[in-house]
PDB file of all heavy atoms in Angstrom:
ATOM      1  N   SER A   1     -73.216 -37.732  25.932  1.00  0.00           N
ATOM      2  CA  SER A   1     -71.938 -38.414  25.792  1.00  0.00           C
ATOM      3  C   SER A   1     -71.452 -38.286  24.354  1.00  0.00           C
ATOM      4  O   SER A   1     -72.239 -38.049  23.435  1.00  0.00           O
ATOM      5  CB  SER A   1     -72.079 -39.895  26.153  1.00  0.00           C
ATOM      6  OG  SER A   1     -72.873 -40.558  25.178  1.00  0.00           O
ATOM      7  N   LEU A   2     -70.140 -38.450  24.175  1.00  0.00           N
ATOM      8  CA  LEU A   2     -69.573 -38.359  22.829  1.00  0.00           C
ATOM      9  C   LEU A   2     -70.199 -39.381  21.905  1.00  0.00           C
ATOM     10  O   LEU A   2     -70.556 -39.066  20.760  1.00  0.00           O
ATOM     11  CB  LEU A   2     -68.057 -38.563  22.888  1.00  0.00           C
ATOM     12  CG  LEU A   2     -67.330 -38.582  21.538  1.00  0.00           C
ATOM     13  CD1 LEU A   2     -67.538 -37.274  20.789  1.00  0.00           C
ATOM     14  CD2 LEU A   2     -65.854 -38.882  21.724  1.00  0.00           C
ATOM     15  N   ASN A   3     -70.377 -40.606  22.368  1.00  0.00           N
ATOM     16  CA  ASN A   3     -70.952 -41.655  21.523  1.00  0.00           C
ATOM     17  C   ASN A   3     -72.370 -41.305  21.085  1.00  0.00           C
ATOM     18  O   ASN A   3     -72.768 -41.553  19.948  1.00  0.00           O
ATOM     19  CB  ASN A   3     -70.938 -42.999  22.251  1.00  0.00           C
ATOM     20  CG  ASN A   3     -69.553 -43.594  22.314  1.00  0.00           C
ATOM     21  OD1 ASN A   3     -68.686 -43.261  21.509  1.00  0.00           O
ATOM     22  ND2 ASN A   3     -69.328 -44.482  23.268  1.00  0.00           N
ATOM     23  N   LYS A   4     -73.140 -40.718  21.995  1.00  0.00           N
ATOM     24  CA  LYS A   4     -74.517 -40.350  21.651  1.00  0.00           C
ATOM     25  C   LYS A   4     -74.530 -39.220  20.632  1.00  0.00           C
ATOM     26  O   LYS A   4     -75.344 -39.216  19.705  1.00  0.00           O
ATOM     27  CB  LYS A   4     -75.297 -39.952  22.897  1.00  0.00           C
ATOM     28  CG  LYS A   4     -76.771 -39.698  22.619  1.00  0.00           C
ATOM     29  CD  LYS A   4     -77.572 -39.468  23.897  1.00  0.00           C
ATOM     30  CE  LYS A   4     -79.055 -39.266  23.561  1.00  0.00           C
ATOM     31  NZ  LYS A   4     -79.858 -39.042  24.801  1.00  0.00           N
ATOM     32  N   LYS A   5     -73.625 -38.253  20.808  1.00  0.00           N
ATOM     33  CA  LYS A   5     -73.546 -37.159  19.839  1.00  0.00           C
ATOM     34  C   LYS A   5     -73.206 -37.705  18.453  1.00  0.00           C
ATOM     35  O   LYS A   5     -73.802 -37.307  17.446  1.00  0.00           O
ATOM     36  CB  LYS A   5     -72.485 -36.152  20.267  1.00  0.00           C
ATOM     37  CG  LYS A   5     -72.861 -35.302  21.472  1.00  0.00           C
ATOM     38  CD  LYS A   5     -71.708 -34.361  21.820  1.00  0.00           C
ATOM     39  CE  LYS A   5     -72.026 -33.522  23.044  1.00  0.00           C
ATOM     40  NZ  LYS A   5     -70.900 -32.638  23.412  1.00  0.00           N
ATOM     41  N   ILE A   6     -72.231 -38.613  18.420  1.00  0.00           N
ATOM     42  CA  ILE A   6     -71.833 -39.196  17.131  1.00  0.00           C
ATOM     43  C   ILE A   6     -72.993 -39.954  16.510  1.00  0.00           C
ATOM     44  O   ILE A   6     -73.266 -39.829  15.308  1.00  0.00           O
ATOM     45  CB  ILE A   6     -70.605 -40.109  17.315  1.00  0.00           C
ATOM     46  CG1 ILE A   6     -69.373 -39.274  17.673  1.00  0.00           C
ATOM     47  CG2 ILE A   6     -70.340 -40.920  16.046  1.00  0.00           C
ATOM     48  CD1 ILE A   6     -68.156 -40.089  18.035  1.00  0.00           C
ATOM     49  N   ARG A   7     -73.717 -40.742  17.325  1.00  0.00           N
ATOM     50  CA  ARG A   7     -74.868 -41.500  16.791  1.00  0.00           C
ATOM     51  C   ARG A   7     -75.918 -40.572  16.225  1.00  0.00           C
ATOM     52  O   ARG A   7     -76.506 -40.841  15.169  1.00  0.00           O
ATOM     53  CB  ARG A   7     -75.472 -42.384  17.888  1.00  0.00           C
ATOM     54  CG  ARG A   7     -74.669 -43.638  18.201  1.00  0.00           C
ATOM     55  CD  ARG A   7     -75.510 -44.646  18.958  1.00  0.00           C
ATOM     56  NE  ARG A   7     -76.056 -44.091  20.185  1.00  0.00           N
ATOM     57  CZ  ARG A   7     -75.456 -44.113  21.373  1.00  0.00           C
ATOM     58  NH1 ARG A   7     -74.237 -44.658  21.471  1.00  0.00           N
ATOM     59  NH2 ARG A   7     -76.028 -43.601  22.439  1.00  0.00           N
ATOM     60  N   ASN A   8     -76.183 -39.453  16.944  1.00  0.00           N
ATOM     61  CA  ASN A   8     -77.211 -38.514  16.484  1.00  0.00           C
ATOM     62  C   ASN A   8     -76.824 -37.882  15.143  1.00  0.00           C
ATOM     63  O   ASN A   8     -77.661 -37.696  14.258  1.00  0.00           O
ATOM     64  CB  ASN A   8     -77.432 -37.423  17.526  1.00  0.00           C
ATOM     65  CG  ASN A   8     -78.175 -37.938  18.749  1.00  0.00           C
ATOM     66  OD1 ASN A   8     -78.862 -38.963  18.692  1.00  0.00           O
ATOM     67  ND2 ASN A   8     -78.028 -37.252  19.869  1.00  0.00           N
ATOM     68  N   VAL A   9     -75.523 -37.550  14.998  1.00  0.00           N
ATOM     69  CA  VAL A   9     -75.076 -36.956  13.735  1.00  0.00           C
ATOM     70  C   VAL A   9     -75.084 -38.004  12.622  1.00  0.00           C
ATOM     71  O   VAL A   9     -75.496 -37.728  11.491  1.00  0.00           O
ATOM     72  CB  VAL A   9     -73.676 -36.332  13.878  1.00  0.00           C
ATOM     73  CG1 VAL A   9     -73.238 -35.690  12.568  1.00  0.00           C
ATOM     74  CG2 VAL A   9     -73.671 -35.286  14.988  1.00  0.00           C
ATOM     75  N   GLU A  10     -74.661 -39.215  12.931  1.00  0.00           N
ATOM     76  CA  GLU A  10     -74.654 -40.282  11.929  1.00  0.00           C
ATOM     77  C   GLU A  10     -76.066 -40.607  11.449  1.00  0.00           C
ATOM     78  O   GLU A  10     -76.268 -40.953  10.282  1.00  0.00           O
ATOM     79  CB  GLU A  10     -73.985 -41.529  12.491  1.00  0.00           C
ATOM     80  CG  GLU A  10     -72.464 -41.408  12.586  1.00  0.00           C
ATOM     81  CD  GLU A  10     -71.813 -42.668  13.097  1.00  0.00           C
ATOM     82  OE1 GLU A  10     -72.497 -43.462  13.786  1.00  0.00           O
ATOM     83  OE2 GLU A  10     -70.617 -42.871  12.812  1.00  0.00           O
ATOM     84  N   LYS A  11     -77.031 -40.487  12.353  1.00  0.00           N
ATOM     85  CA  LYS A  11     -78.421 -40.758  11.970  1.00  0.00           C
ATOM     86  C   LYS A  11     -78.889 -39.788  10.891  1.00  0.00           C
ATOM     87  O   LYS A  11     -79.722 -40.120  10.058  1.00  0.00           O
ATOM     88  CB  LYS A  11     -79.322 -40.667  13.200  1.00  0.00           C
ATOM     89  CG  LYS A  11     -80.719 -41.201  12.983  1.00  0.00           C
ATOM     90  CD  LYS A  11     -81.509 -41.213  14.281  1.00  0.00           C
ATOM     91  CE  LYS A  11     -82.892 -41.825  14.088  1.00  0.00           C
ATOM     92  NZ  LYS A  11     -83.670 -41.858  15.359  1.00  0.00           N
ATOM     93  N   GLN A  12     -78.316 -38.587  10.906  1.00  0.00           N
ATOM     94  CA  GLN A  12     -78.647 -37.598   9.875  1.00  0.00           C
ATOM     95  C   GLN A  12     -77.805 -37.797   8.614  1.00  0.00           C
ATOM     96  O   GLN A  12     -77.941 -37.058   7.646  1.00  0.00           O
ATOM     97  CB  GLN A  12     -78.414 -36.186  10.428  1.00  0.00           C
ATOM     98  CG  GLN A  12     -79.326 -35.828  11.592  1.00  0.00           C
ATOM     99  CD  GLN A  12     -78.912 -34.534  12.267  1.00  0.00           C
ATOM    100  OE1 GLN A  12     -78.242 -33.699  11.664  1.00  0.00           O
ATOM    101  NE2 GLN A  12     -79.294 -34.367  13.511  1.00  0.00           N
ATOM    102  N   LYS A  13     -76.916 -38.805   8.640  1.00  0.00           N
ATOM    103  CA  LYS A  13     -76.092 -39.173   7.479  1.00  0.00           C
ATOM    104  C   LYS A  13     -75.251 -38.004   6.977  1.00  0.00           C
ATOM    105  O   LYS A  13     -75.138 -37.739   5.774  1.00  0.00           O
ATOM    106  CB  LYS A  13     -76.977 -39.748   6.373  1.00  0.00           C
ATOM    107  CG  LYS A  13     -77.825 -40.942   6.853  1.00  0.00           C
ATOM    108  CD  LYS A  13     -78.624 -41.561   5.748  1.00  0.00           C
ATOM    109  CE  LYS A  13     -79.560 -42.654   6.267  1.00  0.00           C
ATOM    110  NZ  LYS A  13     -78.863 -43.766   6.894  1.00  0.00           N
ATOM    111  N   VAL A  14     -74.646 -37.287   7.939  1.00  0.00           N
ATOM    112  CA  VAL A  14     -73.767 -36.160   7.617  1.00  0.00           C
ATOM    113  C   VAL A  14     -72.444 -36.708   7.074  1.00  0.00           C
ATOM    114  O   VAL A  14     -71.840 -37.588   7.693  1.00  0.00           O
ATOM    115  CB  VAL A  14     -73.517 -35.294   8.865  1.00  0.00           C
ATOM    116  CG1 VAL A  14     -72.567 -34.153   8.547  1.00  0.00           C
ATOM    117  CG2 VAL A  14     -74.849 -34.750   9.395  1.00  0.00           C
ATOM    118  N   PRO A  15     -71.957 -36.206   5.932  1.00  0.00           N
ATOM    119  CA  PRO A  15     -70.745 -36.773   5.322  1.00  0.00           C
ATOM    120  C   PRO A  15     -69.500 -36.707   6.216  1.00  0.00           C
ATOM    121  O   PRO A  15     -68.737 -37.660   6.283  1.00  0.00           O
ATOM    122  CB  PRO A  15     -70.558 -35.924   4.067  1.00  0.00           C
ATOM    123  CG  PRO A  15     -71.933 -35.440   3.729  1.00  0.00           C
ATOM    124  CD  PRO A  15     -72.605 -35.227   5.043  1.00  0.00           C
ATOM    125  N   PHE A  16     -69.283 -35.567   6.893  1.00  0.00           N
ATOM    126  CA  PHE A  16     -68.096 -35.419   7.733  1.00  0.00           C
ATOM    127  C   PHE A  16     -68.493 -35.063   9.167  1.00  0.00           C
ATOM    128  O   PHE A  16     -69.279 -34.129   9.382  1.00  0.00           O
ATOM    129  CB  PHE A  16     -67.168 -34.326   7.193  1.00  0.00           C
ATOM    130  CG  PHE A  16     -66.511 -34.666   5.890  1.00  0.00           C
ATOM    131  CD1 PHE A  16     -67.058 -34.238   4.688  1.00  0.00           C
ATOM    132  CD2 PHE A  16     -65.347 -35.424   5.854  1.00  0.00           C
ATOM    133  CE1 PHE A  16     -66.460 -34.547   3.484  1.00  0.00           C
ATOM    134  CE2 PHE A  16     -64.740 -35.742   4.643  1.00  0.00           C
ATOM    135  CZ  PHE A  16     -65.287 -35.303   3.464  1.00  0.00           C
ATOM    136  N   ILE A  17     -67.943 -35.793  10.114  1.00  0.00           N
ATOM    137  CA  ILE A  17     -68.101 -35.459  11.533  1.00  0.00           C
ATOM    138  C   ILE A  17     -66.734 -35.026  12.044  1.00  0.00           C
ATOM    139  O   ILE A  17     -65.750 -35.757  11.919  1.00  0.00           O
ATOM    140  CB  ILE A  17     -68.616 -36.657  12.344  1.00  0.00           C
ATOM    141  CG1 ILE A  17     -69.972 -37.123  11.804  1.00  0.00           C
ATOM    142  CG2 ILE A  17     -68.725 -36.298  13.827  1.00  0.00           C
ATOM    143  CD1 ILE A  17     -70.493 -38.390  12.464  1.00  0.00           C
ATOM    144  N   VAL A  18     -66.679 -33.812  12.617  1.00  0.00           N
ATOM    145  CA  VAL A  18     -65.429 -33.251  13.123  1.00  0.00           C
ATOM    146  C   VAL A  18     -65.514 -33.207  14.646  1.00  0.00           C
ATOM    147  O   VAL A  18     -66.446 -32.626  15.206  1.00  0.00           O
ATOM    148  CB  VAL A  18     -65.197 -31.837  12.561  1.00  0.00           C
ATOM    149  CG1 VAL A  18     -63.981 -31.195  13.231  1.00  0.00           C
ATOM    150  CG2 VAL A  18     -65.021 -31.889  11.058  1.00  0.00           C
ATOM    151  N   ILE A  19     -64.549 -33.840  15.316  1.00  0.00           N
ATOM    152  CA  ILE A  19     -64.512 -33.868  16.778  1.00  0.00           C
ATOM    153  C   ILE A  19     -63.376 -32.966  17.247  1.00  0.00           C
ATOM    154  O   ILE A  19     -62.237 -33.065  16.760  1.00  0.00           O
ATOM    155  CB  ILE A  19     -64.320 -35.307  17.286  1.00  0.00           C
ATOM    156  CG1 ILE A  19     -65.502 -36.176  16.814  1.00  0.00           C
ATOM    157  CG2 ILE A  19     -64.226 -35.336  18.816  1.00  0.00           C
ATOM    158  CD1 ILE A  19     -65.322 -37.647  17.066  1.00  0.00           C
ATOM    159  N   ILE A  20     -63.682 -32.084  18.198  1.00  0.00           N
ATOM    160  CA  ILE A  20     -62.716 -31.093  18.672  1.00  0.00           C
ATOM    161  C   ILE A  20     -62.517 -31.239  20.173  1.00  0.00           C
ATOM    162  O   ILE A  20     -63.475 -31.150  20.959  1.00  0.00           O
ATOM    163  CB  ILE A  20     -63.188 -29.662  18.336  1.00  0.00           C
ATOM    164  CG1 ILE A  20     -63.326 -29.498  16.815  1.00  0.00           C
ATOM    165  CG2 ILE A  20     -62.230 -28.624  18.915  1.00  0.00           C
ATOM    166  CD1 ILE A  20     -63.994 -28.208  16.406  1.00  0.00           C
ATOM    167  N   GLY A  21     -61.292 -31.496  20.555  1.00  0.00           N
ATOM    168  CA  GLY A  21     -60.906 -31.569  21.958  1.00  0.00           C
ATOM    169  C   GLY A  21     -59.657 -30.745  22.211  1.00  0.00           C
ATOM    170  O   GLY A  21     -59.253 -29.919  21.373  1.00  0.00           O
ATOM    171  N   ASP A  22     -58.999 -30.969  23.364  1.00  0.00           N
ATOM    172  CA  ASP A  22     -57.802 -30.195  23.732  1.00  0.00           C
ATOM    173  C   ASP A  22     -56.711 -30.327  22.678  1.00  0.00           C
ATOM    174  O   ASP A  22     -56.091 -29.343  22.260  1.00  0.00           O
ATOM    175  CB  ASP A  22     -57.252 -30.677  25.084  1.00  0.00           C
ATOM    176  CG  ASP A  22     -58.169 -30.298  26.244  1.00  0.00           C
ATOM    177  OD1 ASP A  22     -58.979 -29.374  26.064  1.00  0.00           O
ATOM    178  OD2 ASP A  22     -58.064 -30.930  27.309  1.00  0.00           O
ATOM    179  N   LYS A  23     -56.472 -31.567  22.225  1.00  0.00           N
ATOM    180  CA  LYS A  23     -55.395 -31.829  21.274  1.00  0.00           C
ATOM    181  C   LYS A  23     -55.622 -31.080  19.966  1.00  0.00           C
ATOM    182  O   LYS A  23     -54.694 -30.493  19.386  1.00  0.00           O
ATOM    183  CB  LYS A  23     -55.304 -33.331  21.021  1.00  0.00           C
ATOM    184  CG  LYS A  23     -54.186 -33.738  20.086  1.00  0.00           C
ATOM    185  CD  LYS A  23     -54.165 -35.260  19.924  1.00  0.00           C
ATOM    186  CE  LYS A  23     -53.084 -35.689  18.942  1.00  0.00           C
ATOM    187  NZ  LYS A  23     -53.080 -37.171  18.759  1.00  0.00           N
ATOM    188  N   GLU A  24     -56.863 -31.070  19.513  1.00  0.00           N
ATOM    189  CA  GLU A  24     -57.177 -30.411  18.244  1.00  0.00           C
ATOM    190  C   GLU A  24     -57.007 -28.893  18.371  1.00  0.00           C
ATOM    191  O   GLU A  24     -56.470 -28.249  17.452  1.00  0.00           O
ATOM    192  CB  GLU A  24     -58.606 -30.747  17.821  1.00  0.00           C
ATOM    193  CG  GLU A  24     -58.806 -32.172  17.302  1.00  0.00           C
ATOM    194  CD  GLU A  24     -58.780 -33.212  18.403  1.00  0.00           C
ATOM    195  OE1 GLU A  24     -59.083 -32.854  19.570  1.00  0.00           O
ATOM    196  OE2 GLU A  24     -58.468 -34.380  18.103  1.00  0.00           O
ATOM    197  N   VAL A  25     -57.435 -28.313  19.503  1.00  0.00           N
ATOM    198  CA  VAL A  25     -57.309 -26.865  19.701  1.00  0.00           C
ATOM    199  C   VAL A  25     -55.841 -26.466  19.758  1.00  0.00           C
ATOM    200  O   VAL A  25     -55.418 -25.474  19.147  1.00  0.00           O
ATOM    201  CB  VAL A  25     -58.052 -26.430  20.982  1.00  0.00           C
ATOM    202  CG1 VAL A  25     -57.778 -24.962  21.286  1.00  0.00           C
ATOM    203  CG2 VAL A  25     -59.561 -26.655  20.829  1.00  0.00           C
ATOM    204  N   GLN A  26     -55.054 -27.259  20.479  1.00  0.00           N
ATOM    205  CA  GLN A  26     -53.633 -26.944  20.638  1.00  0.00           C
ATOM    206  C   GLN A  26     -52.880 -27.033  19.312  1.00  0.00           C
ATOM    207  O   GLN A  26     -51.996 -26.216  19.018  1.00  0.00           O
ATOM    208  CB  GLN A  26     -52.996 -27.890  21.664  1.00  0.00           C
ATOM    209  CG  GLN A  26     -53.487 -27.662  23.085  1.00  0.00           C
ATOM    210  CD  GLN A  26     -53.063 -28.775  24.030  1.00  0.00           C
ATOM    211  OE1 GLN A  26     -52.308 -29.670  23.652  1.00  0.00           O
ATOM    212  NE2 GLN A  26     -53.572 -28.731  25.261  1.00  0.00           N
ATOM    213  N   ASN A  27     -53.206 -28.035  18.492  1.00  0.00           N
ATOM    214  CA  ASN A  27     -52.461 -28.293  17.248  1.00  0.00           C
ATOM    215  C   ASN A  27     -53.120 -27.714  15.994  1.00  0.00           C
ATOM    216  O   ASN A  27     -52.606 -27.888  14.884  1.00  0.00           O
ATOM    217  CB  ASN A  27     -52.262 -29.793  17.061  1.00  0.00           C
ATOM    218  CG  ASN A  27     -51.461 -30.420  18.179  1.00  0.00           C
ATOM    219  OD1 ASN A  27     -50.564 -29.788  18.743  1.00  0.00           O
ATOM    220  ND2 ASN A  27     -51.775 -31.668  18.506  1.00  0.00           N
ATOM    221  N   ASN A  28     -54.277 -27.051  16.188  1.00  0.00           N
ATOM    222  CA  ASN A  28     -55.037 -26.513  15.055  1.00  0.00           C
ATOM    223  C   ASN A  28     -55.345 -27.608  14.028  1.00  0.00           C
ATOM    224  O   ASN A  28     -55.205 -27.451  12.821  1.00  0.00           O
ATOM    225  CB  ASN A  28     -54.286 -25.369  14.377  1.00  0.00           C
ATOM    226  CG  ASN A  28     -55.215 -24.495  13.539  1.00  0.00           C
ATOM    227  OD1 ASN A  28     -56.370 -24.278  13.909  1.00  0.00           O
ATOM    228  ND2 ASN A  28     -54.722 -23.999  12.422  1.00  0.00           N
ATOM    229  N   THR A  29     -55.771 -28.758  14.559  1.00  0.00           N
ATOM    230  CA  THR A  29     -56.130 -29.904  13.726  1.00  0.00           C
ATOM    231  C   THR A  29     -57.568 -30.319  14.008  1.00  0.00           C
ATOM    232  O   THR A  29     -58.230 -29.787  14.911  1.00  0.00           O
ATOM    233  CB  THR A  29     -55.198 -31.100  13.993  1.00  0.00           C
ATOM    234  OG1 THR A  29     -55.288 -31.454  15.375  1.00  0.00           O
ATOM    235  CG2 THR A  29     -53.766 -30.767  13.631  1.00  0.00           C
ATOM    236  N   LEU A  30     -58.033 -31.273  13.246  1.00  0.00           N
ATOM    237  CA  LEU A  30     -59.391 -31.788  13.408  1.00  0.00           C
ATOM    238  C   LEU A  30     -59.357 -33.305  13.382  1.00  0.00           C
ATOM    239  O   LEU A  30     -58.668 -33.900  12.551  1.00  0.00           O
ATOM    240  CB  LEU A  30     -60.301 -31.290  12.272  1.00  0.00           C
ATOM    241  CG  LEU A  30     -60.411 -29.769  12.110  1.00  0.00           C
ATOM    242  CD1 LEU A  30     -61.157 -29.436  10.820  1.00  0.00           C
ATOM    243  CD2 LEU A  30     -61.095 -29.131  13.310  1.00  0.00           C
ATOM    244  N   SER A  31     -60.096 -33.917  14.287  1.00  0.00           N
ATOM    245  CA  SER A  31     -60.284 -35.362  14.269  1.00  0.00           C
ATOM    246  C   SER A  31     -61.551 -35.636  13.466  1.00  0.00           C
ATOM    247  O   SER A  31     -62.641 -35.196  13.843  1.00  0.00           O
ATOM    248  CB  SER A  31     -60.420 -35.898  15.696  1.00  0.00           C
ATOM    249  OG  SER A  31     -60.633 -37.291  15.675  1.00  0.00           O
ATOM    250  N   ILE A  32     -61.397 -36.353  12.359  1.00  0.00           N
ATOM    251  CA  ILE A  32     -62.477 -36.449  11.363  1.00  0.00           C
ATOM    252  C   ILE A  32     -62.971 -37.883  11.235  1.00  0.00           C
ATOM    253  O   ILE A  32     -62.177 -38.826  11.152  1.00  0.00           O
ATOM    254  CB  ILE A  32     -61.985 -35.938   9.997  1.00  0.00           C
ATOM    255  CG1 ILE A  32     -61.607 -34.456  10.110  1.00  0.00           C
ATOM    256  CG2 ILE A  32     -63.047 -36.145   8.916  1.00  0.00           C
ATOM    257  CD1 ILE A  32     -60.811 -33.954   8.934  1.00  0.00           C
ATOM    258  N   ARG A  33     -64.271 -38.023  11.217  1.00  0.00           N
ATOM    259  CA  ARG A  33     -64.926 -39.276  10.838  1.00  0.00           C
ATOM    260  C   ARG A  33     -65.561 -39.010   9.465  1.00  0.00           C
ATOM    261  O   ARG A  33     -66.503 -38.237   9.347  1.00  0.00           O
ATOM    262  CB  ARG A  33     -65.984 -39.690  11.866  1.00  0.00           C
ATOM    263  CG  ARG A  33     -65.396 -39.988  13.235  1.00  0.00           C
ATOM    264  CD  ARG A  33     -66.494 -40.225  14.260  1.00  0.00           C
ATOM    265  NE  ARG A  33     -67.179 -41.486  14.051  1.00  0.00           N
ATOM    266  CZ  ARG A  33     -66.853 -42.619  14.674  1.00  0.00           C
ATOM    267  NH1 ARG A  33     -65.851 -42.636  15.550  1.00  0.00           N
ATOM    268  NH2 ARG A  33     -67.523 -43.727  14.444  1.00  0.00           N
ATOM    269  N   ASP A  34     -65.036 -39.649   8.455  1.00  0.00           N
ATOM    270  CA  ASP A  34     -65.372 -39.372   7.060  1.00  0.00           C
ATOM    271  C   ASP A  34     -66.294 -40.471   6.525  1.00  0.00           C
ATOM    272  O   ASP A  34     -65.862 -41.583   6.277  1.00  0.00           O
ATOM    273  CB  ASP A  34     -64.067 -39.304   6.263  1.00  0.00           C
ATOM    274  CG  ASP A  34     -64.287 -39.020   4.781  1.00  0.00           C
ATOM    275  OD1 ASP A  34     -65.433 -39.078   4.329  1.00  0.00           O
ATOM    276  OD2 ASP A  34     -63.287 -38.756   4.088  1.00  0.00           O
ATOM    277  N   ARG A  35     -67.574 -40.151   6.366  1.00  0.00           N
ATOM    278  CA  ARG A  35     -68.542 -41.092   5.794  1.00  0.00           C
ATOM    279  C   ARG A  35     -68.580 -40.982   4.270  1.00  0.00           C
ATOM    280  O   ARG A  35     -69.344 -41.682   3.616  1.00  0.00           O
ATOM    281  CB  ARG A  35     -69.950 -40.811   6.341  1.00  0.00           C
ATOM    282  CG  ARG A  35     -70.109 -41.089   7.811  1.00  0.00           C
ATOM    283  CD  ARG A  35     -71.432 -40.510   8.320  1.00  0.00           C
ATOM    284  NE  ARG A  35     -72.595 -41.081   7.667  1.00  0.00           N
ATOM    285  CZ  ARG A  35     -73.195 -42.194   8.057  1.00  0.00           C
ATOM    286  NH1 ARG A  35     -72.725 -42.854   9.097  1.00  0.00           N
ATOM    287  NH2 ARG A  35     -74.264 -42.650   7.434  1.00  0.00           N
ATOM    288  N   TYR A  36     -67.778 -40.096   3.731  1.00  0.00           N
ATOM    289  CA  TYR A  36     -67.891 -39.780   2.314  1.00  0.00           C
ATOM    290  C   TYR A  36     -66.857 -40.524   1.475  1.00  0.00           C
ATOM    291  O   TYR A  36     -67.210 -41.191   0.498  1.00  0.00           O
ATOM    292  CB  TYR A  36     -67.734 -38.267   2.119  1.00  0.00           C
ATOM    293  CG  TYR A  36     -68.085 -37.816   0.729  1.00  0.00           C
ATOM    294  CD1 TYR A  36     -69.415 -37.752   0.320  1.00  0.00           C
ATOM    295  CD2 TYR A  36     -67.105 -37.465  -0.180  1.00  0.00           C
ATOM    296  CE1 TYR A  36     -69.746 -37.343  -0.957  1.00  0.00           C
ATOM    297  CE2 TYR A  36     -67.429 -37.046  -1.459  1.00  0.00           C
ATOM    298  CZ  TYR A  36     -68.750 -37.000  -1.845  1.00  0.00           C
ATOM    299  OH  TYR A  36     -69.077 -36.600  -3.112  1.00  0.00           O
ATOM    300  N   THR A  37     -65.592 -40.428   1.828  1.00  0.00           N
ATOM    301  CA  THR A  37     -64.430 -40.928   1.083  1.00  0.00           C
ATOM    302  C   THR A  37     -64.289 -40.179  -0.232  1.00  0.00           C
ATOM    303  O   THR A  37     -65.215 -39.514  -0.702  1.00  0.00           O
ATOM    304  CB  THR A  37     -64.459 -42.445   0.822  1.00  0.00           C
ATOM    305  OG1 THR A  37     -65.398 -42.739  -0.195  1.00  0.00           O
ATOM    306  CG2 THR A  37     -64.777 -43.225   2.070  1.00  0.00           C
ATOM    307  N   ASN A  38     -63.138 -40.314  -0.849  1.00  0.00           N
ATOM    308  CA  ASN A  38     -62.877 -39.562  -2.076  1.00  0.00           C
ATOM    309  C   ASN A  38     -63.750 -40.007  -3.228  1.00  0.00           C
ATOM    310  O   ASN A  38     -64.080 -39.237  -4.102  1.00  0.00           O
ATOM    311  CB  ASN A  38     -61.399 -39.700  -2.465  1.00  0.00           C
ATOM    312  CG  ASN A  38     -60.507 -38.944  -1.507  1.00  0.00           C
ATOM    313  OD1 ASN A  38     -60.917 -37.929  -0.961  1.00  0.00           O
ATOM    314  ND2 ASN A  38     -59.298 -39.440  -1.286  1.00  0.00           N
ATOM    315  N   ASP A  39     -64.100 -41.287  -3.255  1.00  0.00           N
ATOM    316  CA  ASP A  39     -64.928 -41.817  -4.342  1.00  0.00           C
ATOM    317  C   ASP A  39     -66.240 -42.295  -3.755  1.00  0.00           C
ATOM    318  O   ASP A  39     -66.331 -43.358  -3.178  1.00  0.00           O
ATOM    319  CB  ASP A  39     -64.212 -42.974  -5.051  1.00  0.00           C
ATOM    320  CG  ASP A  39     -65.017 -43.472  -6.257  1.00  0.00           C
ATOM    321  OD1 ASP A  39     -66.140 -42.967  -6.465  1.00  0.00           O
ATOM    322  OD2 ASP A  39     -64.518 -44.353  -6.962  1.00  0.00           O
ATOM    323  N   GLN A  40     -67.279 -41.487  -3.899  1.00  0.00           N
ATOM    324  CA  GLN A  40     -68.532 -41.808  -3.226  1.00  0.00           C
ATOM    325  C   GLN A  40     -69.179 -43.083  -3.777  1.00  0.00           C
ATOM    326  O   GLN A  40     -69.972 -43.712  -3.100  1.00  0.00           O
ATOM    327  CB  GLN A  40     -69.520 -40.654  -3.353  1.00  0.00           C
ATOM    328  CG  GLN A  40     -70.026 -40.438  -4.766  1.00  0.00           C
ATOM    329  CD  GLN A  40     -71.243 -39.548  -4.762  1.00  0.00           C
ATOM    330  OE1 GLN A  40     -71.587 -38.956  -3.761  1.00  0.00           O
ATOM    331  NE2 GLN A  40     -71.904 -39.451  -5.885  1.00  0.00           N
ATOM    332  N   THR A  41     -68.814 -43.490  -4.988  1.00  0.00           N
ATOM    333  CA  THR A  41     -69.409 -44.708  -5.527  1.00  0.00           C
ATOM    334  C   THR A  41     -68.906 -45.950  -4.806  1.00  0.00           C
ATOM    335  O   THR A  41     -69.515 -47.002  -4.876  1.00  0.00           O
ATOM    336  CB  THR A  41     -69.106 -44.841  -7.035  1.00  0.00           C
ATOM    337  OG1 THR A  41     -67.696 -44.852  -7.226  1.00  0.00           O
ATOM    338  CG2 THR A  41     -69.702 -43.679  -7.808  1.00  0.00           C
ATOM    339  N   ASP A  42     -67.746 -45.836  -4.109  1.00  0.00           N
ATOM    340  CA  ASP A  42     -67.206 -46.967  -3.357  1.00  0.00           C
ATOM    341  C   ASP A  42     -67.676 -46.970  -1.910  1.00  0.00           C
ATOM    342  O   ASP A  42     -67.390 -47.885  -1.157  1.00  0.00           O
ATOM    343  CB  ASP A  42     -65.668 -46.937  -3.369  1.00  0.00           C
ATOM    344  CG  ASP A  42     -65.121 -47.259  -4.756  1.00  0.00           C
ATOM    345  OD1 ASP A  42     -65.869 -47.866  -5.539  1.00  0.00           O
ATOM    346  OD2 ASP A  42     -63.974 -46.888  -5.032  1.00  0.00           O
ATOM    347  N   ARG A  43     -68.372 -45.933  -1.498  1.00  0.00           N
ATOM    348  CA  ARG A  43     -68.745 -45.784  -0.099  1.00  0.00           C
ATOM    349  C   ARG A  43     -69.938 -46.659   0.233  1.00  0.00           C
ATOM    350  O   ARG A  43     -70.952 -46.647  -0.443  1.00  0.00           O
ATOM    351  CB  ARG A  43     -69.087 -44.311   0.175  1.00  0.00           C
ATOM    352  CG  ARG A  43     -69.569 -44.014   1.570  1.00  0.00           C
ATOM    353  CD  ARG A  43     -69.589 -42.499   1.769  1.00  0.00           C
ATOM    354  NE  ARG A  43     -70.257 -41.839   0.683  1.00  0.00           N
ATOM    355  CZ  ARG A  43     -71.543 -41.538   0.690  1.00  0.00           C
ATOM    356  NH1 ARG A  43     -72.304 -41.860   1.711  1.00  0.00           N
ATOM    357  NH2 ARG A  43     -72.090 -40.914  -0.333  1.00  0.00           N
ATOM    358  N   LYS A  44     -69.850 -47.424   1.287  1.00  0.00           N
ATOM    359  CA  LYS A  44     -70.959 -48.235   1.749  1.00  0.00           C
ATOM    360  C   LYS A  44     -71.724 -47.472   2.825  1.00  0.00           C
ATOM    361  O   LYS A  44     -71.134 -46.724   3.605  1.00  0.00           O
ATOM    362  CB  LYS A  44     -70.463 -49.572   2.310  1.00  0.00           C
ATOM    363  CG  LYS A  44     -69.792 -50.456   1.262  1.00  0.00           C
ATOM    364  CD  LYS A  44     -69.316 -51.748   1.888  1.00  0.00           C
ATOM    365  CE  LYS A  44     -68.633 -52.623   0.834  1.00  0.00           C
ATOM    366  NZ  LYS A  44     -68.131 -53.888   1.426  1.00  0.00           N
TER     367      LYS A  44
END
């Protein structure tokens, strides 16, 4: 499932998770979950 995939990637503490579906392919965009932020010192 999508939630399980996200949990597995988050467990590895990957800075960016990119999710790709129909909308992203059609629009050449990416749905991003950003664990990093621009200022890593502010990131919890």
